[in-house]
Amino acid sequence: MKRSTIFSTPLLNSVLTVLSKAILRLIGWRIAGQLPATPKFVLVAAPHTSNWDFILMLLVLFSVRADLHWMGKDSLFPKPFAGFMRWLGGIAVNRRLASNTVEQMVAHYQAHDDLAVIMTPEGTRSKVTTWKTGFYHIAHGAGVPIVLAYVDGANKTVGLGKLFTPSGDVEQDMAAIKVFYAGYQGIRPELT
């Protein structure tokens, strides 16, 4: 089942790609790596320390023509804007259901032949001591890999591409993921 998103609009996609590459070059940021060819994955974006992290990630995603989606509570999808929000890549999640967000997203992955969803494990731009593990449980439950993407403010680099397959051992896997991110700091390093 192919979804209609901003990336299925050829002219807009081309304009956004060229514009995003030019902006990244102008502000001195570069992209390292590339997204995997696998049709389904969860993309973890960290560290998330500033609103600029999100803007940078959008510029990168437009530059590489990545058809990524994001989750939002269903109240962000009111009529008549629901179609527009889905076109932007949004997936509405009903937090009032007996089934939780992880189960809803696993079902969403199972219902689609290709699906990539971006998530920030900190859940906020503020400094946190522990990450939320929802992204991990979604990936493991759906049987899809995790793409580790990073913002490296010190080197003005946004990296893509390290693939991580969850084993089911949350503690061990989360420790390995945190080791990967240990060398990177966001745009506001004091919040990393």
C-alpha atoms as a PDB file:
ATOM      1  CA  MET A   1       0.000   0.000   0.000  1.00  0.00           C
ATOM      2  CA  LYS A   2       1.645   3.242  -1.141  1.00  0.00           C
ATOM      3  CA  ARG A   3       0.901   6.329   0.909  1.00  0.00           C
ATOM      4  CA  SER A   4       0.533   9.816  -0.525  1.00  0.00           C
ATOM      5  CA  THR A   5       3.020  12.098   1.191  1.00  0.00           C
ATOM      6  CA  ILE A   6       5.027  15.194   0.438  1.00  0.00           C
ATOM      7  CA  PHE A   7       7.601  12.882  -1.172  1.00  0.00           C
ATOM      8  CA  SER A   8       5.088  11.577  -3.706  1.00  0.00           C
ATOM      9  CA  THR A   9       4.721  15.087  -5.170  1.00  0.00           C
ATOM     10  CA  PRO A  10       7.531  15.077  -7.796  1.00  0.00           C
ATOM     11  CA  LEU A  11       7.891  18.813  -8.465  1.00  0.00           C
ATOM     12  CA  LEU A  12       7.764  19.794  -4.786  1.00  0.00           C
ATOM     13  CA  ASN A  13      10.139  16.948  -3.927  1.00  0.00           C
ATOM     14  CA  SER A  14      12.686  18.152  -6.506  1.00  0.00           C
ATOM     15  CA  VAL A  15      12.447  21.773  -5.368  1.00  0.00           C
ATOM     16  CA  LEU A  16      12.847  20.785  -1.695  1.00  0.00           C
ATOM     17  CA  THR A  17      15.840  18.576  -2.525  1.00  0.00           C
ATOM     18  CA  VAL A  18      17.731  21.313  -4.384  1.00  0.00           C
ATOM     19  CA  LEU A  19      16.804  23.992  -1.841  1.00  0.00           C
ATOM     20  CA  SER A  20      17.745  21.831   1.147  1.00  0.00           C
ATOM     21  CA  LYS A  21      21.137  20.895  -0.303  1.00  0.00           C
ATOM     22  CA  ALA A  22      21.852  24.572  -0.991  1.00  0.00           C
ATOM     23  CA  ILE A  23      20.865  25.649   2.521  1.00  0.00           C
ATOM     24  CA  LEU A  24      22.997  22.932   4.144  1.00  0.00           C
ATOM     25  CA  ARG A  25      25.984  23.977   2.038  1.00  0.00           C
ATOM     26  CA  LEU A  26      25.384  27.664   2.825  1.00  0.00           C
ATOM     27  CA  ILE A  27      25.280  27.125   6.608  1.00  0.00           C
ATOM     28  CA  GLY A  28      28.283  24.776   6.541  1.00  0.00           C
ATOM     29  CA  TRP A  29      26.622  21.465   7.496  1.00  0.00           C
ATOM     30  CA  ARG A  30      27.265  18.178   5.748  1.00  0.00           C
ATOM     31  CA  ILE A  31      25.643  14.768   5.542  1.00  0.00           C
ATOM     32  CA  ALA A  32      27.606  11.638   6.424  1.00  0.00           C
ATOM     33  CA  GLY A  33      26.403   8.211   5.311  1.00  0.00           C
ATOM     34  CA  GLN A  34      23.128   7.284   3.711  1.00  0.00           C
ATOM     35  CA  LEU A  35      19.874   5.605   4.558  1.00  0.00           C
ATOM     36  CA  PRO A  36      19.698   1.844   4.073  1.00  0.00           C
ATOM     37  CA  ALA A  37      17.808   0.309   1.164  1.00  0.00           C
ATOM     38  CA  THR A  38      15.546  -1.655   3.519  1.00  0.00           C
ATOM     39  CA  PRO A  39      11.858  -0.728   3.073  1.00  0.00           C
ATOM     40  CA  LYS A  40      10.980  -0.629   6.787  1.00  0.00           C
ATOM     41  CA  PHE A  41      12.883   0.833   9.716  1.00  0.00           C
ATOM     42  CA  VAL A  42      12.716   3.097  12.749  1.00  0.00           C
ATOM     43  CA  LEU A  43      15.072   6.066  12.502  1.00  0.00           C
ATOM     44  CA  VAL A  44      16.370   7.332  15.839  1.00  0.00           C
ATOM     45  CA  ALA A  45      17.532  10.956  15.756  1.00  0.00           C
ATOM     46  CA  ALA A  46      19.748  12.040  18.643  1.00  0.00           C
ATOM     47  CA  PRO A  47      20.935  14.029  20.421  1.00  0.00           C
ATOM     48  CA  HIS A  48      17.926  16.346  20.277  1.00  0.00           C
ATOM     49  CA  THR A  49      19.014  19.497  22.102  1.00  0.00           C
ATOM     50  CA  SER A  50      17.521  22.336  20.067  1.00  0.00           C
ATOM     51  CA  ASN A  51      14.708  23.187  17.667  1.00  0.00           C
ATOM     52  CA  TRP A  52      17.493  23.571  15.082  1.00  0.00           C
ATOM     53  CA  ASP A  53      18.168  19.803  15.332  1.00  0.00           C
ATOM     54  CA  PHE A  54      14.721  19.191  13.880  1.00  0.00           C
ATOM     55  CA  ILE A  55      15.213  21.745  11.105  1.00  0.00           C
ATOM     56  CA  LEU A  56      18.593  20.226  10.230  1.00  0.00           C
ATOM     57  CA  MET A  57      17.133  16.743  10.124  1.00  0.00           C
ATOM     58  CA  LEU A  58      14.349  17.977   7.815  1.00  0.00           C
ATOM     59  CA  LEU A  59      16.930  19.557   5.496  1.00  0.00           C
ATOM     60  CA  VAL A  60      18.857  16.279   5.449  1.00  0.00           C
ATOM     61  CA  LEU A  61      15.734  14.196   4.825  1.00  0.00           C
ATOM     62  CA  PHE A  62      14.683  16.454   1.955  1.00  0.00           C
ATOM     63  CA  SER A  63      18.250  16.364   0.567  1.00  0.00           C
ATOM     64  CA  VAL A  64      18.333  12.561   0.438  1.00  0.00           C
ATOM     65  CA  ARG A  65      14.642  12.280  -0.544  1.00  0.00           C
ATOM     66  CA  ALA A  66      13.803  10.201   2.500  1.00  0.00           C
ATOM     67  CA  ASP A  67      10.127   9.320   2.844  1.00  0.00           C
ATOM     68  CA  LEU A  68      10.073   9.387   6.636  1.00  0.00           C
ATOM     69  CA  HIS A  69       7.029   9.647   8.818  1.00  0.00           C
ATOM     70  CA  TRP A  70       6.465  10.923  12.342  1.00  0.00           C
ATOM     71  CA  MET A  71       3.978  10.093  15.081  1.00  0.00           C
ATOM     72  CA  GLY A  72       1.610  12.581  16.644  1.00  0.00           C
ATOM     73  CA  LYS A  73      -1.328  12.387  19.001  1.00  0.00           C
ATOM     74  CA  ASP A  74      -4.587  12.225  17.088  1.00  0.00           C
ATOM     75  CA  SER A  75      -5.640  15.679  18.323  1.00  0.00           C
ATOM     76  CA  LEU A  76      -2.966  17.091  15.961  1.00  0.00           C
ATOM     77  CA  PHE A  77      -5.013  15.702  13.036  1.00  0.00           C
ATOM     78  CA  PRO A  78      -8.322  17.625  13.259  1.00  0.00           C
ATOM     79  CA  LYS A  79     -10.653  17.959  10.289  1.00  0.00           C
ATOM     80  CA  PRO A  80     -10.128  19.583   7.812  1.00  0.00           C
ATOM     81  CA  PHE A  81      -6.332  19.370   8.366  1.00  0.00           C
ATOM     82  CA  ALA A  82      -6.008  15.601   8.872  1.00  0.00           C
ATOM     83  CA  GLY A  83      -5.248  14.915   5.198  1.00  0.00           C
ATOM     84  CA  PHE A  84      -2.612  17.644   5.124  1.00  0.00           C
ATOM     85  CA  MET A  85      -0.953  16.311   8.290  1.00  0.00           C
ATOM     86  CA  ARG A  86      -0.812  12.807   6.777  1.00  0.00           C
ATOM     87  CA  TRP A  87       0.562  14.278   3.538  1.00  0.00           C
ATOM     88  CA  LEU A  88       3.370  15.791   5.650  1.00  0.00           C
ATOM     89  CA  GLY A  89       4.141  12.262   6.906  1.00  0.00           C
ATOM     90  CA  GLY A  90       2.141  12.280  10.117  1.00  0.00           C
ATOM     91  CA  ILE A  91       0.738   9.118  11.683  1.00  0.00           C
ATOM     92  CA  ALA A  92      -2.046   9.745  14.180  1.00  0.00           C
ATOM     93  CA  VAL A  93      -1.781   7.775  17.428  1.00  0.00           C
ATOM     94  CA  ASN A  94      -4.751   7.450  19.766  1.00  0.00           C
ATOM     95  CA  ARG A  95      -3.423   7.550  23.317  1.00  0.00           C
ATOM     96  CA  ARG A  96      -6.884   6.942  24.772  1.00  0.00           C
ATOM     97  CA  LEU A  97      -7.126   3.395  23.374  1.00  0.00           C
ATOM     98  CA  ALA A  98      -6.616   0.377  25.598  1.00  0.00           C
ATOM     99  CA  SER A  99      -3.763  -0.680  23.293  1.00  0.00           C
ATOM    100  CA  ASN A 100      -0.686   1.447  23.747  1.00  0.00           C
ATOM    101  CA  THR A 101       1.338   3.455  21.261  1.00  0.00           C
ATOM    102  CA  VAL A 102       3.834   0.631  20.714  1.00  0.00           C
ATOM    103  CA  GLU A 103       1.071  -1.807  19.737  1.00  0.00           C
ATOM    104  CA  GLN A 104      -0.560   0.771  17.444  1.00  0.00           C
ATOM    105  CA  MET A 105       2.733   1.436  15.661  1.00  0.00           C
ATOM    106  CA  VAL A 106       3.592  -2.261  15.349  1.00  0.00           C
ATOM    107  CA  ALA A 107       0.177  -2.759  13.692  1.00  0.00           C
ATOM    108  CA  HIS A 108       0.910   0.193  11.413  1.00  0.00           C
ATOM    109  CA  TYR A 109       4.219  -1.370  10.327  1.00  0.00           C
ATOM    110  CA  GLN A 110       2.491  -4.696   9.703  1.00  0.00           C
ATOM    111  CA  ALA A 111      -0.125  -2.991   7.510  1.00  0.00           C
ATOM    112  CA  HIS A 112       2.431  -1.389   5.166  1.00  0.00           C
ATOM    113  CA  ASP A 113       4.986  -2.780   2.742  1.00  0.00           C
ATOM    114  CA  ASP A 114       7.313   0.163   3.312  1.00  0.00           C
ATOM    115  CA  LEU A 115       7.420   2.452   6.314  1.00  0.00           C
ATOM    116  CA  ALA A 116      10.112   4.507   8.003  1.00  0.00           C
ATOM    117  CA  VAL A 117       9.311   6.526  11.127  1.00  0.00           C
ATOM    118  CA  ILE A 118      11.615   9.059  12.794  1.00  0.00           C
ATOM    119  CA  MET A 119      11.708   9.241  16.603  1.00  0.00           C
ATOM    120  CA  THR A 120      13.722  11.133  19.207  1.00  0.00           C
ATOM    121  CA  PRO A 121      14.473   8.962  22.245  1.00  0.00           C
ATOM    122  CA  GLU A 122      14.948  11.901  24.604  1.00  0.00           C
ATOM    123  CA  GLY A 123      11.330  12.947  24.030  1.00  0.00           C
ATOM    124  CA  THR A 124      12.323  16.569  24.721  1.00  0.00           C
ATOM    125  CA  ARG A 125      14.968  19.149  23.878  1.00  0.00           C
ATOM    126  CA  SER A 126      15.856  19.490  27.571  1.00  0.00           C
ATOM    127  CA  LYS A 127      18.671  17.548  29.212  1.00  0.00           C
ATOM    128  CA  VAL A 128      17.535  14.053  30.252  1.00  0.00           C
ATOM    129  CA  THR A 129      19.280  11.262  32.121  1.00  0.00           C
ATOM    130  CA  THR A 130      17.326   8.373  30.571  1.00  0.00           C
ATOM    131  CA  TRP A 131      15.924   7.758  27.127  1.00  0.00           C
ATOM    132  CA  LYS A 132      12.414   6.588  26.358  1.00  0.00           C
ATOM    133  CA  THR A 133      12.492   3.075  24.909  1.00  0.00           C
ATOM    134  CA  GLY A 134       9.321   3.186  22.815  1.00  0.00           C
ATOM    135  CA  PHE A 135      11.327   3.343  19.577  1.00  0.00           C
ATOM    136  CA  TYR A 136      13.123   0.150  20.589  1.00  0.00           C
ATOM    137  CA  HIS A 137       9.933  -1.745  21.453  1.00  0.00           C
ATOM    138  CA  ILE A 138       8.278  -0.617  18.211  1.00  0.00           C
ATOM    139  CA  ALA A 139      11.241  -1.798  16.123  1.00  0.00           C
ATOM    140  CA  HIS A 140      11.529  -5.108  17.964  1.00  0.00           C
ATOM    141  CA  GLY A 141       7.764  -5.742  17.884  1.00  0.00           C
ATOM    142  CA  ALA A 142       7.547  -4.938  14.165  1.00  0.00           C
ATOM    143  CA  GLY A 143      10.696  -6.924  13.359  1.00  0.00           C
ATOM    144  CA  VAL A 144      12.400  -3.946  11.716  1.00  0.00           C
ATOM    145  CA  PRO A 145      15.914  -2.537  12.170  1.00  0.00           C
ATOM    146  CA  ILE A 146      16.776   0.752  13.837  1.00  0.00           C
ATOM    147  CA  VAL A 147      18.729   3.353  11.860  1.00  0.00           C
ATOM    148  CA  LEU A 148      20.952   5.382  14.168  1.00  0.00           C
ATOM    149  CA  ALA A 149      21.059   8.982  12.948  1.00  0.00           C
ATOM    150  CA  TYR A 150      22.907  11.735  14.753  1.00  0.00           C
ATOM    151  CA  VAL A 151      23.444  15.458  14.940  1.00  0.00           C
ATOM    152  CA  ASP A 152      27.080  16.317  15.646  1.00  0.00           C
ATOM    153  CA  GLY A 153      27.143  20.011  16.469  1.00  0.00           C
ATOM    154  CA  ALA A 154      30.903  20.085  17.068  1.00  0.00           C
ATOM    155  CA  ASN A 155      31.648  18.968  13.477  1.00  0.00           C
ATOM    156  CA  LYS A 156      28.503  20.381  11.805  1.00  0.00           C
ATOM    157  CA  THR A 157      27.531  16.938  10.564  1.00  0.00           C
ATOM    158  CA  VAL A 158      24.282  15.021  10.398  1.00  0.00           C
ATOM    159  CA  GLY A 159      24.955  11.303  10.099  1.00  0.00           C
ATOM    160  CA  LEU A 160      22.748   8.537   8.722  1.00  0.00           C
ATOM    161  CA  GLY A 161      22.965   4.878   8.211  1.00  0.00           C
ATOM    162  CA  LYS A 162      24.263   2.702  11.033  1.00  0.00           C
ATOM    163  CA  LEU A 163      21.792  -0.155  11.153  1.00  0.00           C
ATOM    164  CA  PHE A 164      21.021  -1.793  14.493  1.00  0.00           C
ATOM    165  CA  THR A 165      18.893  -4.933  14.842  1.00  0.00           C
ATOM    166  CA  PRO A 166      17.168  -5.231  18.228  1.00  0.00           C
ATOM    167  CA  SER A 167      17.774  -8.590  19.904  1.00  0.00           C
ATOM    168  CA  GLY A 168      15.029  -8.365  22.506  1.00  0.00           C
ATOM    169  CA  ASP A 169      17.491  -7.765  25.358  1.00  0.00           C
ATOM    170  CA  VAL A 170      16.495  -4.161  26.057  1.00  0.00           C
ATOM    171  CA  GLU A 171      19.212  -3.402  28.607  1.00  0.00           C
ATOM    172  CA  GLN A 172      22.065  -4.762  26.512  1.00  0.00           C
ATOM    173  CA  ASP A 173      20.817  -3.222  23.264  1.00  0.00           C
ATOM    174  CA  MET A 174      20.133   0.208  24.800  1.00  0.00           C
ATOM    175  CA  ALA A 175      23.645   0.187  26.290  1.00  0.00           C
ATOM    176  CA  ALA A 176      25.101  -0.533  22.822  1.00  0.00           C
ATOM    177  CA  ILE A 177      22.989   2.228  21.249  1.00  0.00           C
ATOM    178  CA  LYS A 178      24.110   4.725  23.889  1.00  0.00           C
ATOM    179  CA  VAL A 179      27.755   3.789  23.233  1.00  0.00           C
ATOM    180  CA  PHE A 180      27.195   4.711  19.578  1.00  0.00           C
ATOM    181  CA  TYR A 181      25.841   8.138  20.544  1.00  0.00           C
ATOM    182  CA  ALA A 182      28.429   8.845  23.268  1.00  0.00           C
ATOM    183  CA  GLY A 183      30.764  10.739  20.939  1.00  0.00           C
ATOM    184  CA  TYR A 184      28.151  13.113  19.551  1.00  0.00           C
ATOM    185  CA  GLN A 185      26.820  16.330  20.962  1.00  0.00           C
ATOM    186  CA  GLY A 186      23.872  18.336  19.748  1.00  0.00           C
ATOM    187  CA  ILE A 187      23.824  21.954  18.769  1.00  0.00           C
ATOM    188  CA  ARG A 188      23.539  22.836  22.470  1.00  0.00           C
ATOM    189  CA  PRO A 189      26.161  20.496  23.973  1.00  0.00           C
ATOM    190  CA  GLU A 190      25.219  21.370  27.550  1.00  0.00           C
ATOM    191  CA  LEU A 191      21.873  19.607  26.958  1.00  0.00           C
ATOM    192  CA  THR A 192      23.365  16.431  25.471  1.00  0.00           C
END
